């Protein structure tokens, strides 16, 4: 799973040096090539209008001369190379959701084609290209986009790129409602048809969690419907009503997040998602002082790593031919309830001597000293929140086996009757 940071709100368009340095210093190794920063939707809205200021005139040249796209992003590319940051995914320019423009097919096709070229030259494998919608009757949306995407498929093939469609919301009298590809069955059908007609797997999907939240959708069901078509996920928090890109877990009310991260993590874990995880914190980053931004980015990287860990947890469990658990408490019990049959452990162990020899959820509780006799390819799965302390204990015992952390915050199901023990000595996870 690849973690990607969006530069919006962090790296300036004309002088991205400090922003890219901060992104790299926080530990991010990949950045989104967001071409919409160089050809903004507000500028596309103003094409052909008079009395624009000098800055807007310079931006309009991009849309009027798409061939300049790769030339204009050279400063960003140079800074990324200098700081050891790669680019795996690009995001093509797009129109405002409430655009009033009509005949945009030609300019959007040109921009998307040149974006594919620029992305490929920058080392990207994927590019997100939003569907056409401006001035198209609803009954004609599929045919218009079928023609649009199949034309782009030729350019993508020549550049060995994969085009990702994205779920959309649309503006209706100032309210955001479900738009093109917000129905996962429709989106899956579009991708399958496009791939079949393109004669190759040239199309995939990027799920924007922010749009799912605005549209009031169950992300677990959405993800399961998309299956392996899902190549990228955009993580951004919001209030479920307005377009926003906040650091996950920060938009909360009465102690609860406004975004359904539970079902997102459950779905991605169940489908063994191993694609591109794109963190978009534009609004949070913009609201922070540049002086505070490095600390924010460090926190953002920790949050992204947390998602990667939670999503990949079952993938880790099935990597090992055999496993034992450490801990005989709530977390161990939840492991056995949810994964005990699929990934059965040999036994569990615990620091609490009073538990040794007992049966716990069908497992014998043993002295941790037993771990010294394990086969080298057997993993030790820690089922206790004192991960670092227990790992240090095991390494001090010269245990060289793989050590992994298990957590029950985002399980397929929950068990609310809690075992009451001391967490360190009695294994309460």
Protein backbone atom coordinates (compact mmCIF):
# COMPACT_ATOMS: atom_id res chain seq x y z
CA UNK A 1 0.00 0.00 0.00
CA UNK A 2 1.46 3.34 -1.06
CA UNK A 3 0.85 6.52 0.98
CA UNK A 4 0.61 9.74 -1.02
CA UNK A 5 0.41 13.32 0.26
CA UNK A 6 -1.44 15.99 -1.71
CA UNK A 7 0.52 19.24 -2.08
CA UNK A 8 -2.58 21.48 -2.02
CA UNK A 9 -2.40 23.88 0.89
CA UNK A 10 1.22 22.90 1.56
CA UNK A 11 3.43 23.49 -1.48
CA UNK A 12 3.04 26.76 -3.39
CA UNK A 13 2.49 26.61 -7.11
CA UNK A 14 5.21 29.08 -8.04
CA UNK A 15 7.63 28.26 -5.22
CA UNK A 16 7.01 24.75 -3.86
CA UNK A 17 10.44 24.42 -2.24
CA UNK A 18 9.52 24.79 1.45
CA UNK A 19 6.30 22.78 1.15
CA UNK A 20 8.05 19.87 -0.55
CA UNK A 21 10.81 19.96 2.05
CA UNK A 22 8.21 19.84 4.84
CA UNK A 23 6.42 16.92 3.17
CA UNK A 24 9.68 14.99 2.86
CA UNK A 25 10.76 15.82 6.41
CA UNK A 26 7.46 14.42 7.72
CA UNK A 27 8.31 11.07 6.14
CA UNK A 28 6.16 11.09 3.02
CA UNK A 29 7.90 9.50 0.06
CA UNK A 30 5.25 10.14 -2.60
CA UNK A 31 3.32 13.24 -3.60
CA UNK A 32 0.20 13.65 -5.73
CA UNK A 33 0.91 15.36 -9.04
CA UNK A 34 -2.10 17.64 -8.72
CA UNK A 35 -2.29 19.34 -12.10
CA UNK A 36 -5.42 21.20 -11.02
CA UNK A 37 -3.12 23.46 -8.99
CA UNK A 38 -1.72 24.75 -12.28
CA UNK A 39 -5.03 24.92 -14.11
CA UNK A 40 -7.64 25.63 -11.44
CA UNK A 41 -11.36 25.04 -11.94
CA UNK A 42 -11.98 28.76 -11.29
CA UNK A 43 -9.67 29.63 -14.16
CA UNK A 44 -11.39 27.19 -16.49
CA UNK A 45 -14.63 28.91 -15.56
CA UNK A 46 -13.19 32.24 -16.73
CA UNK A 47 -11.87 31.19 -20.13
CA UNK A 48 -12.72 33.86 -22.68
CA UNK A 49 -13.80 36.46 -20.13
CA UNK A 50 -12.23 39.92 -20.25
CA UNK A 51 -10.62 42.14 -17.61
CA UNK A 52 -8.73 39.37 -15.90
CA UNK A 53 -5.70 40.26 -13.82
CA UNK A 54 -2.16 39.37 -14.83
CA UNK A 55 -1.96 36.28 -12.62
CA UNK A 56 -5.11 34.84 -14.12
CA UNK A 57 -3.84 35.56 -17.60
CA UNK A 58 -0.76 33.43 -16.92
CA UNK A 59 -2.93 30.60 -15.66
CA UNK A 60 -5.23 30.79 -18.64
CA UNK A 61 -2.32 30.10 -20.94
CA UNK A 62 -2.25 26.59 -19.52
CA UNK A 63 -5.80 25.88 -20.56
CA UNK A 64 -5.36 27.68 -23.85
CA UNK A 65 -2.04 25.91 -24.48
CA UNK A 66 -2.22 22.50 -22.75
CA UNK A 67 1.07 21.48 -24.33
CA UNK A 68 2.82 23.73 -21.79
CA UNK A 69 1.66 21.54 -18.89
CA UNK A 70 4.88 19.56 -18.40
CA UNK A 71 7.02 22.66 -18.82
CA UNK A 72 5.12 24.54 -16.12
CA UNK A 73 5.44 21.81 -13.46
CA UNK A 74 9.23 21.55 -13.79
CA UNK A 75 9.88 23.54 -10.61
CA UNK A 76 7.77 21.11 -8.57
CA UNK A 77 9.38 18.08 -10.21
CA UNK A 78 12.86 19.42 -9.50
CA UNK A 79 12.07 19.97 -5.82
CA UNK A 80 10.56 16.49 -5.50
CA UNK A 81 13.63 14.92 -7.08
CA UNK A 82 15.92 16.91 -4.82
CA UNK A 83 14.05 15.68 -1.74
CA UNK A 84 13.74 12.06 -2.88
CA UNK A 85 9.98 12.19 -3.42
CA UNK A 86 8.37 10.15 -6.19
CA UNK A 87 5.02 10.53 -7.96
CA UNK A 88 2.69 7.59 -8.57
CA UNK A 89 -0.67 9.29 -9.15
CA UNK A 90 -1.67 12.44 -11.01
CA UNK A 91 -4.91 14.39 -10.84
CA UNK A 92 -6.09 16.08 -14.03
CA UNK A 93 -7.72 19.56 -14.12
CA UNK A 94 -11.47 19.58 -13.63
CA UNK A 95 -14.49 21.89 -13.79
CA UNK A 96 -16.35 23.42 -10.87
CA UNK A 97 -19.25 21.27 -9.67
CA UNK A 98 -21.64 24.17 -10.31
CA UNK A 99 -20.07 25.25 -13.59
CA UNK A 100 -22.22 27.28 -15.96
CA UNK A 101 -20.03 26.58 -18.95
CA UNK A 102 -21.42 24.44 -21.72
CA UNK A 103 -19.13 23.51 -24.61
CA UNK A 104 -16.16 22.24 -22.62
CA UNK A 105 -15.60 18.84 -24.27
CA UNK A 106 -12.78 20.00 -26.53
CA UNK A 107 -10.77 21.87 -23.89
CA UNK A 108 -11.22 19.12 -21.29
CA UNK A 109 -10.10 16.49 -23.79
CA UNK A 110 -7.00 18.52 -24.64
CA UNK A 111 -6.19 19.14 -20.98
CA UNK A 112 -6.68 15.48 -20.08
CA UNK A 113 -4.52 14.25 -22.95
CA UNK A 114 -1.68 16.61 -22.05
CA UNK A 115 -2.11 15.72 -18.39
CA UNK A 116 -1.58 12.07 -19.26
CA UNK A 117 1.62 12.97 -21.11
CA UNK A 118 2.87 15.14 -18.23
CA UNK A 119 2.00 12.49 -15.65
CA UNK A 120 3.80 9.75 -17.57
CA UNK A 121 6.91 11.91 -18.00
CA UNK A 122 6.84 12.53 -14.24
CA UNK A 123 6.84 8.82 -13.43
CA UNK A 124 3.15 8.39 -12.58
CA UNK A 125 1.34 5.11 -13.17
CA UNK A 126 -2.21 6.38 -12.57
CA UNK A 127 -4.14 9.54 -13.37
CA UNK A 128 -7.53 10.54 -11.96
CA UNK A 129 -9.74 12.08 -14.63
CA UNK A 130 -13.22 13.18 -13.60
CA UNK A 131 -16.17 12.40 -15.91
CA UNK A 132 -17.63 15.02 -18.24
CA UNK A 133 -20.94 16.53 -17.14
CA UNK A 134 -21.19 20.21 -18.13
CA UNK A 135 -24.02 20.82 -20.58
CA UNK A 136 -24.76 17.11 -21.03
CA UNK A 137 -28.35 15.86 -20.55
CA UNK A 138 -28.49 13.12 -17.94
CA UNK A 139 -29.65 10.52 -20.46
CA UNK A 140 -26.54 11.19 -22.57
CA UNK A 141 -23.92 11.11 -19.79
CA UNK A 142 -22.78 7.55 -20.42
CA UNK A 143 -22.38 7.88 -24.18
CA UNK A 144 -20.58 11.21 -23.89
CA UNK A 145 -18.17 9.81 -21.32
CA UNK A 146 -17.74 6.53 -23.16
CA UNK A 147 -16.52 8.44 -26.21
CA UNK A 148 -14.37 10.73 -24.04
CA UNK A 149 -12.64 8.00 -22.05
CA UNK A 150 -12.06 5.68 -25.00
CA UNK A 151 -10.37 8.54 -26.83
CA UNK A 152 -8.16 9.10 -23.79
CA UNK A 153 -7.47 5.36 -23.61
CA UNK A 154 -5.31 5.59 -26.74
CA UNK A 155 -3.16 8.26 -25.11
CA UNK A 156 -3.01 6.27 -21.88
CA UNK A 157 -1.93 3.15 -23.76
CA UNK A 158 0.85 5.02 -25.54
CA UNK A 159 2.11 6.27 -22.17
CA UNK A 160 1.49 3.04 -20.22
CA UNK A 161 -0.94 4.82 -17.88
CA UNK A 162 -4.14 3.73 -16.13
CA UNK A 163 -7.05 6.19 -16.01
CA UNK A 164 -9.01 6.29 -12.77
CA UNK A 165 -12.62 7.40 -12.70
CA UNK A 166 -13.83 9.02 -9.49
CA UNK A 167 -17.16 9.17 -7.65
CA UNK A 168 -18.76 12.58 -8.00
CA UNK A 169 -21.28 14.74 -6.21
CA UNK A 170 -23.15 17.46 -8.09
CA UNK A 171 -24.44 20.86 -7.15
CA UNK A 172 -28.23 21.21 -7.23
CA UNK A 173 -29.40 24.66 -6.19
CA UNK A 174 -26.50 25.00 -3.79
CA UNK A 175 -26.84 21.52 -2.30
CA UNK A 176 -24.40 18.70 -3.03
CA UNK A 177 -26.09 15.46 -4.00
CA UNK A 178 -25.05 12.19 -5.66
CA UNK A 179 -23.55 12.60 -9.12
CA UNK A 180 -21.84 10.54 -11.80
CA UNK A 181 -20.28 7.29 -10.56
CA UNK A 182 -21.58 7.83 -7.01
CA UNK A 183 -23.51 4.58 -7.50
CA UNK A 184 -20.84 1.87 -7.21
CA UNK A 185 -22.77 -0.52 -9.46
CA UNK A 186 -22.93 2.13 -12.19
CA UNK A 187 -19.24 2.94 -11.73
CA UNK A 188 -18.26 -0.73 -11.86
CA UNK A 189 -20.30 -1.15 -15.04
CA UNK A 190 -18.63 1.83 -16.67
CA UNK A 191 -15.14 0.55 -15.85
CA UNK A 192 -15.84 -2.99 -17.03
CA UNK A 193 -17.31 -1.76 -20.31
CA UNK A 194 -14.49 0.70 -20.94
CA UNK A 195 -11.84 -1.95 -20.25
CA UNK A 196 -13.59 -4.42 -22.51
CA UNK A 197 -13.84 -1.92 -25.38
CA UNK A 198 -10.29 -0.68 -24.81
CA UNK A 199 -9.08 -4.29 -25.00
CA UNK A 200 -7.00 -4.00 -21.80
CA UNK A 201 -7.16 -3.03 -18.14
CA UNK A 202 -6.77 0.63 -18.97
CA UNK A 203 -9.34 1.92 -16.43
CA UNK A 204 -9.77 1.68 -12.67
CA UNK A 205 -11.43 3.62 -9.89
CA UNK A 206 -10.48 6.19 -7.26
CA UNK A 207 -12.90 6.44 -4.34
CA UNK A 208 -13.11 9.85 -2.69
CA UNK A 209 -14.15 9.27 0.93
CA UNK A 210 -15.21 12.91 1.19
CA UNK A 211 -17.73 12.51 -1.63
CA UNK A 212 -19.08 9.29 -0.11
CA UNK A 213 -19.60 11.15 3.15
CA UNK A 214 -21.38 14.06 1.46
CA UNK A 215 -23.62 11.61 -0.41
CA UNK A 216 -24.43 9.67 2.76
CA UNK A 217 -23.12 6.39 1.37
CA UNK A 218 -22.03 3.23 3.14
CA UNK A 219 -18.37 2.99 2.22
CA UNK A 220 -18.16 -0.68 3.18
CA UNK A 221 -20.77 -1.58 0.55
CA UNK A 222 -19.19 0.81 -1.96
CA UNK A 223 -15.76 -0.78 -1.57
CA UNK A 224 -17.01 -4.35 -1.76
CA UNK A 225 -18.92 -3.55 -4.96
CA UNK A 226 -15.85 -1.95 -6.57
CA UNK A 227 -13.58 -4.87 -5.58
CA UNK A 228 -10.26 -4.97 -7.41
CA UNK A 229 -11.34 -2.12 -9.69
CA UNK A 230 -10.46 0.15 -6.77
CA UNK A 231 -6.89 1.36 -7.28
CA UNK A 232 -6.82 4.50 -5.12
CA UNK A 233 -8.65 6.01 -2.14
CA UNK A 234 -8.68 9.69 -1.17
CA UNK A 235 -8.80 10.22 2.58
CA UNK A 236 -10.27 13.54 3.68
CA UNK A 237 -12.53 14.47 6.54
CA UNK A 238 -15.52 16.80 6.48
CA UNK A 239 -18.90 17.55 7.98
CA UNK A 240 -20.82 15.48 5.43
CA UNK A 241 -22.46 18.53 3.85
CA UNK A 242 -19.75 20.77 2.40
CA UNK A 243 -16.69 20.27 0.23
CA UNK A 244 -13.74 20.17 2.59
CA UNK A 245 -10.42 18.41 2.96
CA UNK A 246 -9.58 18.05 6.64
CA UNK A 247 -7.15 15.79 8.43
CA UNK A 248 -8.99 12.51 9.22
CA UNK A 249 -10.51 12.33 12.72
CA UNK A 250 -10.46 16.13 13.16
CA UNK A 251 -14.04 16.87 12.07
CA UNK A 252 -15.81 15.55 15.13
CA UNK A 253 -18.90 16.35 17.21
CA UNK A 254 -19.66 15.02 20.68
CA UNK A 255 -16.61 12.82 20.52
CA UNK A 256 -17.55 11.16 17.23
CA UNK A 257 -16.01 11.61 13.80
CA UNK A 258 -18.33 12.93 11.12
CA UNK A 259 -16.82 10.53 8.56
CA UNK A 260 -17.55 6.81 8.76
CA UNK A 261 -13.96 5.62 8.98
CA UNK A 262 -15.13 2.33 10.50
CA UNK A 263 -16.80 1.11 7.31
CA UNK A 264 -14.03 2.48 5.11
CA UNK A 265 -11.38 0.52 7.01
CA UNK A 266 -13.53 -2.60 7.23
CA UNK A 267 -14.18 -2.57 3.49
CA UNK A 268 -10.59 -1.95 2.46
CA UNK A 269 -9.35 -4.61 4.87
CA UNK A 270 -11.84 -7.21 3.64
CA UNK A 271 -10.94 -6.64 -0.01
CA UNK A 272 -7.19 -6.71 0.81
CA UNK A 273 -6.74 -3.26 -0.69
CA UNK A 274 -3.11 -2.70 -1.60
CA UNK A 275 -3.30 0.37 -3.81
CA UNK A 276 -2.75 4.11 -3.50
CA UNK A 277 -3.81 5.81 -0.26
CA UNK A 278 -4.04 9.56 -0.95
CA UNK A 279 -4.17 11.93 2.02
CA UNK A 280 -5.82 15.28 1.23
CA UNK A 281 -5.60 17.79 4.10
CA UNK A 282 -5.75 20.96 2.00
CA UNK A 283 -8.15 22.91 4.24
CA UNK A 284 -6.47 21.90 7.49
CA UNK A 285 -3.04 22.77 6.09
CA UNK A 286 -4.25 26.11 4.69
CA UNK A 287 -5.74 27.07 8.07
CA UNK A 288 -2.47 26.33 9.88
CA UNK A 289 0.30 28.89 10.09
CA UNK A 290 3.29 27.91 7.92
CA UNK A 291 5.27 27.86 11.16
CA UNK A 292 3.02 25.10 12.52
CA UNK A 293 2.71 23.19 9.26
CA UNK A 294 5.75 20.90 9.73
CA UNK A 295 4.23 19.60 12.97
CA UNK A 296 0.88 19.13 11.25
CA UNK A 297 2.51 17.12 8.47
CA UNK A 298 4.27 14.88 10.97
CA UNK A 299 0.89 14.18 12.57
CA UNK A 300 -0.64 13.64 9.12
CA UNK A 301 1.99 11.03 8.30
CA UNK A 302 1.22 9.25 11.59
CA UNK A 303 -2.49 9.25 10.70
CA UNK A 304 -1.76 7.89 7.21
CA UNK A 305 0.43 5.14 8.67
CA UNK A 306 -2.38 4.28 11.08
CA UNK A 307 -4.80 3.81 8.17
CA UNK A 308 -2.26 1.66 6.34
CA UNK A 309 -1.78 -0.49 9.44
CA UNK A 310 -5.50 -0.92 10.09
CA UNK A 311 -6.36 -1.62 6.45
CA UNK A 312 -3.53 -4.12 5.99
CA UNK A 313 -4.07 -6.00 9.25
CA UNK A 314 -5.72 -9.08 7.78
CA UNK A 315 -3.23 -9.12 4.92
CA UNK A 316 -0.46 -9.38 7.53
CA UNK A 317 -2.23 -12.25 9.31
CA UNK A 318 -2.46 -14.36 6.18
CA UNK A 319 1.17 -13.75 5.17
CA UNK A 320 2.50 -16.17 7.78
CA UNK A 321 2.17 -19.97 7.61
CA UNK A 322 1.75 -20.14 11.39
CA UNK A 323 1.28 -17.76 14.29
CA UNK A 324 0.96 -17.50 18.06
CA UNK A 325 -0.64 -14.71 20.06
CA UNK A 326 0.65 -12.70 22.98
CA UNK A 327 -2.10 -11.63 25.36
CA UNK A 328 -5.08 -13.35 26.95
CA UNK A 329 -7.66 -10.57 27.18
CA UNK A 330 -10.24 -8.66 25.18
CA UNK A 331 -8.08 -8.21 22.11
CA UNK A 332 -7.17 -11.90 22.00
CA UNK A 333 -10.82 -12.82 22.35
CA UNK A 334 -11.82 -10.48 19.52
CA UNK A 335 -9.07 -11.96 17.35
CA UNK A 336 -10.49 -15.44 17.94
CA UNK A 337 -14.08 -14.31 17.32
CA UNK A 338 -13.26 -12.62 14.01
CA UNK A 339 -10.14 -14.34 12.65
CA UNK A 340 -9.62 -17.47 14.75
CA UNK A 341 -10.99 -19.84 12.11
CA UNK A 342 -9.31 -18.20 9.10
CA UNK A 343 -5.92 -17.73 10.76
CA UNK A 344 -5.80 -20.13 13.73
CA UNK A 345 -2.99 -19.55 16.24
CA UNK A 346 -1.11 -22.41 17.89
CA UNK A 347 -1.60 -20.92 21.36
CA UNK A 348 -1.43 -17.63 23.23
CA UNK A 349 0.92 -16.56 25.97
CA UNK A 350 0.70 -13.97 28.71
CA UNK A 351 2.80 -12.39 31.45
CA UNK A 352 0.19 -13.29 34.07
CA UNK A 353 1.39 -16.50 35.71
CA UNK A 354 -2.12 -17.17 37.07
CA UNK A 355 -3.35 -17.78 33.51
CA UNK A 356 -0.68 -20.26 32.43
CA UNK A 357 -2.18 -23.63 31.57
CA UNK A 358 -5.73 -22.28 31.32
CA UNK A 359 -7.95 -22.48 28.24
CA UNK A 360 -8.85 -19.06 26.80
CA UNK A 361 -11.20 -18.92 23.80
CA UNK A 362 -10.00 -22.39 22.78
CA UNK A 363 -6.32 -21.52 23.17
CA UNK A 364 -3.90 -22.73 25.80
CA UNK A 365 -2.30 -19.85 27.70
CA UNK A 366 1.45 -20.41 28.01
CA UNK A 367 4.52 -18.90 29.60
CA UNK A 368 6.20 -16.44 27.18
CA UNK A 369 9.37 -18.54 27.53
CA UNK A 370 7.69 -21.03 25.17
CA UNK A 371 8.24 -18.54 22.34
CA UNK A 372 11.94 -19.41 22.32
CA UNK A 373 11.06 -22.79 20.80
CA UNK A 374 9.08 -21.42 17.83
CA UNK A 375 9.91 -22.17 14.21
CA UNK A 376 11.58 -19.12 12.72
CA UNK A 377 8.76 -18.48 10.22
CA UNK A 378 6.08 -18.46 12.93
CA UNK A 379 4.87 -14.92 13.70
CA UNK A 380 4.12 -13.57 17.15
CA UNK A 381 0.96 -11.44 17.03
CA UNK A 382 0.74 -9.04 19.97
CA UNK A 383 -2.86 -8.67 21.17
CA UNK A 384 -2.29 -6.03 23.80
CA UNK A 385 -2.11 -2.23 23.65
CA UNK A 386 1.37 -2.26 25.24
CA UNK A 387 2.87 -3.10 21.86
CA UNK A 388 6.26 -1.46 22.25
CA UNK A 389 6.86 -2.77 25.77
CA UNK A 390 5.96 -6.33 24.83
CA UNK A 391 8.04 -6.23 21.64
CA UNK A 392 11.00 -4.96 23.67
CA UNK A 393 10.46 -7.80 26.15
CA UNK A 394 10.48 -10.37 23.37
CA UNK A 395 13.60 -8.96 21.75
CA UNK A 396 15.35 -8.98 25.12
CA UNK A 397 14.46 -12.69 25.27
CA UNK A 398 16.30 -13.03 21.93
CA UNK A 399 13.10 -13.89 20.07
CA UNK A 400 13.96 -13.37 16.40
CA UNK A 401 10.58 -14.34 14.96
CA UNK A 402 8.46 -11.78 13.07
CA UNK A 403 6.48 -9.65 15.52
CA UNK A 404 3.22 -7.99 14.42
CA UNK A 405 0.63 -5.83 16.19
CA UNK A 406 -3.07 -6.74 16.24
CA UNK A 407 -5.76 -4.20 17.10
CA UNK A 408 -9.53 -4.57 17.54
CA UNK A 409 -10.69 -0.99 16.95
CA UNK A 410 -12.06 -1.76 13.47
CA UNK A 411 -13.21 -5.35 13.55
CA UNK A 412 -15.82 -7.05 11.30
CA UNK A 413 -17.98 -7.29 14.45
CA UNK A 414 -17.77 -6.13 18.05
CA UNK A 415 -18.07 -7.85 21.43
CA UNK A 416 -18.94 -5.40 24.15
CA UNK A 417 -18.67 -7.48 27.32
CA UNK A 418 -15.22 -6.52 28.48
CA UNK A 419 -12.87 -8.63 30.56
CA UNK A 420 -11.65 -6.67 33.57
CA UNK A 421 -7.96 -7.23 34.18
CA UNK A 422 -4.79 -5.22 34.50
CA UNK A 423 -3.75 -4.52 30.90
CA UNK A 424 -0.01 -5.18 31.29
CA UNK A 425 0.02 -8.15 33.65
CA UNK A 426 -3.31 -9.72 32.71
CA UNK A 427 -3.42 -9.24 28.97
CA UNK A 428 -6.44 -6.93 28.67
CA UNK A 429 -6.10 -5.51 25.18
